[in-house]
């Protein structure tokens, strides 16, 4: 039963939210005008209000820890556990902070 919940609820929701994050728009908090990309000024072209993302990190990774815990606790198949680990790595790679990493010329060769 736990594996069915993971397969039919947690995984589709997590994958869908990750896909939505990668295709999201930005929206003005004041007037609701939406943009595909943030304007260069960072302000709404219509009213001058603040522009914000429509999908947030919390909505993408809200179930990943619960799904992994349920899979471990109730003995889900190895395939399901592997899918969760791969999805967890995908989510981490999207939200990791790249600014703190030192890069050298060899990283680009």
N, C-alpha and C. Protein backbone atom coordinates (compact mmCIF):
# COMPACT_ATOMS: atom_id res chain seq x y z
N UNK A 1 0.82 -1.19 0.00
CA UNK A 1 0.00 0.00 0.00
C UNK A 1 0.87 1.27 0.00
N UNK A 2 1.94 1.26 0.80
CA UNK A 2 2.83 2.42 0.86
C UNK A 2 3.47 2.69 -0.50
N UNK A 3 3.84 1.63 -1.19
CA UNK A 3 4.47 1.80 -2.49
C UNK A 3 3.48 2.39 -3.50
N UNK A 4 2.24 2.02 -3.42
CA UNK A 4 1.23 2.58 -4.32
C UNK A 4 1.06 4.08 -4.06
N UNK A 5 1.10 4.46 -2.80
CA UNK A 5 0.99 5.89 -2.47
C UNK A 5 2.19 6.64 -3.04
N UNK A 6 3.37 6.05 -2.92
CA UNK A 6 4.57 6.69 -3.47
C UNK A 6 4.47 6.79 -4.98
N UNK A 7 4.12 5.68 -5.63
CA UNK A 7 4.09 5.63 -7.10
C UNK A 7 3.01 6.50 -7.71
N UNK A 8 1.83 6.55 -7.07
CA UNK A 8 0.70 7.23 -7.68
C UNK A 8 0.40 8.61 -7.09
N UNK A 9 1.03 8.98 -5.99
CA UNK A 9 0.78 10.30 -5.42
C UNK A 9 2.06 11.12 -5.33
N UNK A 10 3.04 10.63 -4.56
CA UNK A 10 4.25 11.40 -4.31
C UNK A 10 5.07 11.64 -5.58
N UNK A 11 5.40 10.58 -6.31
CA UNK A 11 6.26 10.74 -7.49
C UNK A 11 5.64 11.63 -8.56
N UNK A 12 4.39 11.44 -8.97
CA UNK A 12 3.84 12.35 -9.98
C UNK A 12 3.79 13.80 -9.51
N UNK A 13 3.50 14.01 -8.23
CA UNK A 13 3.44 15.37 -7.70
C UNK A 13 4.83 16.00 -7.71
N UNK A 14 5.83 15.28 -7.24
CA UNK A 14 7.20 15.80 -7.22
C UNK A 14 7.72 16.09 -8.62
N UNK A 15 7.51 15.17 -9.54
CA UNK A 15 7.99 15.34 -10.91
C UNK A 15 7.26 16.51 -11.58
N UNK A 16 5.96 16.59 -11.36
CA UNK A 16 5.18 17.68 -11.94
C UNK A 16 5.59 19.04 -11.40
N UNK A 17 5.84 19.12 -10.09
CA UNK A 17 6.27 20.39 -9.49
C UNK A 17 7.65 20.79 -9.98
N UNK A 18 8.55 19.83 -10.16
CA UNK A 18 9.88 20.13 -10.68
C UNK A 18 9.78 20.64 -12.12
N UNK A 19 8.93 20.02 -12.91
CA UNK A 19 8.72 20.47 -14.29
C UNK A 19 8.09 21.87 -14.30
N UNK A 20 7.14 22.11 -13.43
CA UNK A 20 6.50 23.43 -13.35
C UNK A 20 7.52 24.49 -12.95
N UNK A 21 8.44 24.16 -12.05
CA UNK A 21 9.46 25.11 -11.64
C UNK A 21 10.35 25.50 -12.82
N UNK A 22 10.69 24.53 -13.65
CA UNK A 22 11.58 24.82 -14.77
C UNK A 22 10.88 25.61 -15.88
N UNK A 23 9.56 25.60 -15.91
CA UNK A 23 8.80 26.30 -16.95
C UNK A 23 8.00 27.48 -16.42
N UNK A 24 8.30 27.91 -15.23
CA UNK A 24 7.47 28.90 -14.57
C UNK A 24 7.60 30.29 -15.19
N UNK A 25 6.65 31.12 -14.86
CA UNK A 25 6.63 32.51 -15.24
C UNK A 25 6.89 33.35 -14.00
N UNK A 26 6.96 34.64 -14.21
CA UNK A 26 7.04 35.57 -13.09
C UNK A 26 5.77 36.41 -13.09
N UNK A 27 5.39 36.88 -11.93
CA UNK A 27 4.14 37.63 -11.80
C UNK A 27 4.35 38.83 -10.88
N UNK A 28 3.72 39.94 -11.25
CA UNK A 28 3.77 41.14 -10.42
C UNK A 28 2.90 40.91 -9.17
N UNK A 29 3.42 41.25 -8.02
CA UNK A 29 2.68 41.06 -6.78
C UNK A 29 1.56 42.08 -6.61
N UNK A 30 1.66 43.20 -7.30
CA UNK A 30 0.66 44.25 -7.14
C UNK A 30 -0.50 44.13 -8.14
N UNK A 31 -0.18 44.11 -9.44
CA UNK A 31 -1.25 44.12 -10.44
C UNK A 31 -1.52 42.75 -11.06
N UNK A 32 -0.63 41.76 -10.85
CA UNK A 32 -0.86 40.41 -11.35
C UNK A 32 -0.39 40.18 -12.78
N UNK A 33 0.25 41.16 -13.40
CA UNK A 33 0.77 41.01 -14.76
C UNK A 33 1.83 39.89 -14.76
N UNK A 34 1.76 39.00 -15.75
CA UNK A 34 2.72 37.90 -15.79
C UNK A 34 3.70 38.08 -16.94
N UNK A 35 4.92 37.60 -16.71
CA UNK A 35 6.00 37.70 -17.68
C UNK A 35 6.68 36.34 -17.79
N UNK A 36 7.20 36.04 -18.96
CA UNK A 36 7.96 34.79 -19.13
C UNK A 36 9.28 34.86 -18.40
N UNK A 37 9.91 36.03 -18.44
CA UNK A 37 11.17 36.26 -17.74
C UNK A 37 11.05 37.52 -16.91
N UNK A 38 11.90 37.63 -15.91
CA UNK A 38 11.90 38.83 -15.07
C UNK A 38 12.39 40.01 -15.92
N UNK A 39 11.68 41.13 -15.91
CA UNK A 39 12.19 42.30 -16.62
C UNK A 39 13.56 42.71 -16.09
N UNK A 40 14.39 43.31 -16.92
CA UNK A 40 15.74 43.66 -16.53
C UNK A 40 15.79 44.57 -15.31
N UNK A 41 14.81 45.42 -15.19
CA UNK A 41 14.78 46.32 -14.03
C UNK A 41 14.34 45.60 -12.76
N UNK A 42 13.68 44.45 -12.91
CA UNK A 42 13.16 43.72 -11.76
C UNK A 42 11.82 44.23 -11.29
N UNK A 43 11.29 45.25 -11.98
CA UNK A 43 10.01 45.85 -11.62
C UNK A 43 9.00 45.60 -12.73
N UNK A 44 7.74 45.61 -12.37
CA UNK A 44 6.65 45.44 -13.33
C UNK A 44 6.63 46.61 -14.31
N UNK A 45 6.45 46.30 -15.58
CA UNK A 45 6.39 47.35 -16.60
C UNK A 45 5.06 48.10 -16.56
N UNK A 46 4.04 47.48 -16.00
CA UNK A 46 2.72 48.11 -15.96
C UNK A 46 2.57 49.08 -14.78
N UNK A 47 2.91 48.60 -13.58
CA UNK A 47 2.65 49.41 -12.39
C UNK A 47 3.90 49.73 -11.58
N UNK A 48 5.04 49.13 -11.93
CA UNK A 48 6.27 49.39 -11.17
C UNK A 48 6.39 48.56 -9.91
N UNK A 49 5.49 47.59 -9.71
CA UNK A 49 5.53 46.75 -8.52
C UNK A 49 6.61 45.69 -8.59
N UNK A 50 6.74 44.94 -7.52
CA UNK A 50 7.76 43.90 -7.42
C UNK A 50 7.31 42.66 -8.18
N UNK A 51 8.25 42.03 -8.90
CA UNK A 51 7.97 40.83 -9.68
C UNK A 51 8.54 39.62 -8.95
N UNK A 52 7.76 38.55 -8.87
CA UNK A 52 8.15 37.37 -8.10
C UNK A 52 7.89 36.11 -8.94
N UNK A 53 8.61 35.02 -8.62
CA UNK A 53 8.39 33.73 -9.28
C UNK A 53 7.03 33.15 -8.88
N UNK A 54 6.44 32.34 -9.76
CA UNK A 54 5.13 31.76 -9.47
C UNK A 54 5.23 30.41 -8.78
N UNK A 55 6.36 29.70 -8.92
CA UNK A 55 6.56 28.40 -8.27
C UNK A 55 7.78 28.52 -7.37
N UNK A 56 7.65 28.11 -6.12
CA UNK A 56 8.72 28.27 -5.14
C UNK A 56 9.36 26.93 -4.80
N UNK A 57 10.55 27.00 -4.22
CA UNK A 57 11.31 25.79 -3.88
C UNK A 57 10.53 24.88 -2.93
N UNK A 58 9.84 25.46 -1.98
CA UNK A 58 9.10 24.66 -1.01
C UNK A 58 8.02 23.80 -1.63
N UNK A 59 7.40 24.28 -2.69
CA UNK A 59 6.36 23.48 -3.33
C UNK A 59 6.95 22.36 -4.18
N UNK A 60 8.22 22.47 -4.56
CA UNK A 60 8.85 21.43 -5.36
C UNK A 60 9.29 20.27 -4.49
N UNK A 61 9.92 20.55 -3.36
CA UNK A 61 10.50 19.47 -2.56
C UNK A 61 9.73 19.16 -1.28
N UNK A 62 8.45 19.49 -1.24
CA UNK A 62 7.69 19.31 0.00
C UNK A 62 7.49 17.84 0.40
N UNK A 63 7.41 16.92 -0.56
CA UNK A 63 7.13 15.52 -0.23
C UNK A 63 8.35 14.60 -0.31
N UNK A 64 9.50 15.08 -0.74
CA UNK A 64 10.61 14.18 -1.01
C UNK A 64 11.08 13.47 0.26
N UNK A 65 11.22 14.19 1.37
CA UNK A 65 11.67 13.55 2.61
C UNK A 65 10.65 12.55 3.13
N UNK A 66 9.38 12.90 3.04
CA UNK A 66 8.31 11.99 3.48
C UNK A 66 8.28 10.74 2.62
N UNK A 67 8.41 10.90 1.31
CA UNK A 67 8.38 9.76 0.39
C UNK A 67 9.56 8.82 0.66
N UNK A 68 10.74 9.37 0.89
CA UNK A 68 11.91 8.53 1.17
C UNK A 68 11.74 7.80 2.49
N UNK A 69 11.23 8.50 3.49
CA UNK A 69 11.01 7.86 4.81
C UNK A 69 9.99 6.74 4.71
N UNK A 70 8.90 6.96 3.99
CA UNK A 70 7.87 5.92 3.82
C UNK A 70 8.45 4.73 3.06
N UNK A 71 9.25 4.98 2.03
CA UNK A 71 9.85 3.89 1.25
C UNK A 71 10.78 3.05 2.12
N UNK A 72 11.57 3.69 2.96
CA UNK A 72 12.48 2.95 3.83
C UNK A 72 11.72 2.22 4.95
N UNK A 73 10.78 2.90 5.55
CA UNK A 73 10.06 2.34 6.70
C UNK A 73 9.18 1.15 6.32
N UNK A 74 8.56 1.21 5.15
CA UNK A 74 7.62 0.16 4.78
C UNK A 74 8.17 -0.79 3.73
N UNK A 75 9.46 -0.72 3.44
CA UNK A 75 10.10 -1.70 2.57
C UNK A 75 9.64 -1.68 1.13
N UNK A 76 9.69 -0.53 0.52
CA UNK A 76 9.32 -0.43 -0.90
C UNK A 76 10.38 -1.14 -1.75
N UNK A 77 10.03 -1.42 -3.00
CA UNK A 77 10.97 -2.08 -3.91
C UNK A 77 12.21 -1.21 -4.11
N UNK A 78 13.31 -1.83 -4.48
CA UNK A 78 14.55 -1.11 -4.74
C UNK A 78 14.36 -0.12 -5.88
N UNK A 79 13.59 -0.51 -6.88
CA UNK A 79 13.33 0.37 -8.02
C UNK A 79 12.69 1.68 -7.57
N UNK A 80 11.73 1.60 -6.68
CA UNK A 80 11.05 2.80 -6.18
C UNK A 80 12.01 3.65 -5.37
N UNK A 81 12.83 3.04 -4.55
CA UNK A 81 13.82 3.78 -3.76
C UNK A 81 14.84 4.47 -4.67
N UNK A 82 15.25 3.79 -5.74
CA UNK A 82 16.19 4.39 -6.68
C UNK A 82 15.57 5.58 -7.40
N UNK A 83 14.32 5.46 -7.77
CA UNK A 83 13.63 6.59 -8.42
C UNK A 83 13.57 7.80 -7.49
N UNK A 84 13.31 7.54 -6.22
CA UNK A 84 13.26 8.64 -5.25
C UNK A 84 14.63 9.28 -5.07
N UNK A 85 15.69 8.46 -5.02
CA UNK A 85 17.04 9.01 -4.88
C UNK A 85 17.44 9.84 -6.09
N UNK A 86 17.10 9.36 -7.28
CA UNK A 86 17.42 10.11 -8.50
C UNK A 86 16.65 11.42 -8.53
N UNK A 87 15.39 11.38 -8.14
CA UNK A 87 14.58 12.60 -8.09
C UNK A 87 15.12 13.57 -7.05
N UNK A 88 15.56 13.05 -5.90
CA UNK A 88 16.14 13.89 -4.86
C UNK A 88 17.39 14.59 -5.37
N UNK A 89 18.25 13.86 -6.09
CA UNK A 89 19.45 14.47 -6.66
C UNK A 89 19.10 15.52 -7.70
N UNK A 90 18.07 15.27 -8.48
CA UNK A 90 17.64 16.25 -9.48
C UNK A 90 17.17 17.53 -8.82
N UNK A 91 16.40 17.39 -7.75
CA UNK A 91 15.92 18.56 -7.02
C UNK A 91 17.07 19.31 -6.38
N UNK A 92 18.02 18.58 -5.79
CA UNK A 92 19.18 19.22 -5.17
C UNK A 92 20.01 19.96 -6.21
N UNK A 93 20.15 19.40 -7.40
CA UNK A 93 20.97 20.06 -8.42
C UNK A 93 20.32 21.35 -8.91
N UNK A 94 19.01 21.42 -8.88
CA UNK A 94 18.33 22.64 -9.30
C UNK A 94 18.50 23.74 -8.25
N UNK A 95 18.45 23.38 -6.98
CA UNK A 95 18.44 24.39 -5.92
C UNK A 95 19.77 24.58 -5.20
N UNK A 96 20.83 23.90 -5.62
CA UNK A 96 22.11 24.10 -4.94
C UNK A 96 22.67 25.47 -5.29
N UNK A 97 23.47 26.00 -4.39
CA UNK A 97 24.03 27.33 -4.55
C UNK A 97 25.36 27.23 -5.29
N UNK A 98 25.38 27.66 -6.54
CA UNK A 98 26.59 27.57 -7.36
C UNK A 98 27.55 28.72 -7.11
N UNK A 99 27.13 29.74 -6.41
CA UNK A 99 27.98 30.92 -6.21
C UNK A 99 29.16 30.63 -5.30
N UNK A 100 29.06 29.65 -4.43
CA UNK A 100 30.12 29.38 -3.46
C UNK A 100 31.15 28.38 -3.95
N UNK A 101 31.01 27.90 -5.18
CA UNK A 101 31.93 26.89 -5.68
C UNK A 101 33.08 27.54 -6.44
N UNK A 102 34.29 27.15 -6.11
CA UNK A 102 35.47 27.66 -6.80
C UNK A 102 35.66 26.86 -8.08
N UNK A 103 35.80 27.52 -9.19
CA UNK A 103 36.00 26.85 -10.48
C UNK A 103 37.37 27.18 -11.02
N UNK A 104 37.96 26.21 -11.66
CA UNK A 104 39.24 26.43 -12.32
C UNK A 104 39.07 26.23 -13.81
N UNK A 105 40.11 26.53 -14.55
CA UNK A 105 40.05 26.39 -16.00
C UNK A 105 39.86 24.94 -16.41
N UNK A 106 40.35 24.01 -15.60
CA UNK A 106 40.22 22.58 -15.93
C UNK A 106 38.75 22.14 -15.87
N UNK A 107 37.91 22.83 -15.13
CA UNK A 107 36.50 22.48 -15.06
C UNK A 107 35.78 22.69 -16.38
N UNK A 108 36.33 23.53 -17.24
CA UNK A 108 35.68 23.85 -18.49
C UNK A 108 36.30 23.13 -19.69
N UNK A 109 37.34 22.37 -19.46
CA UNK A 109 38.01 21.64 -20.54
C UNK A 109 37.47 20.25 -20.69
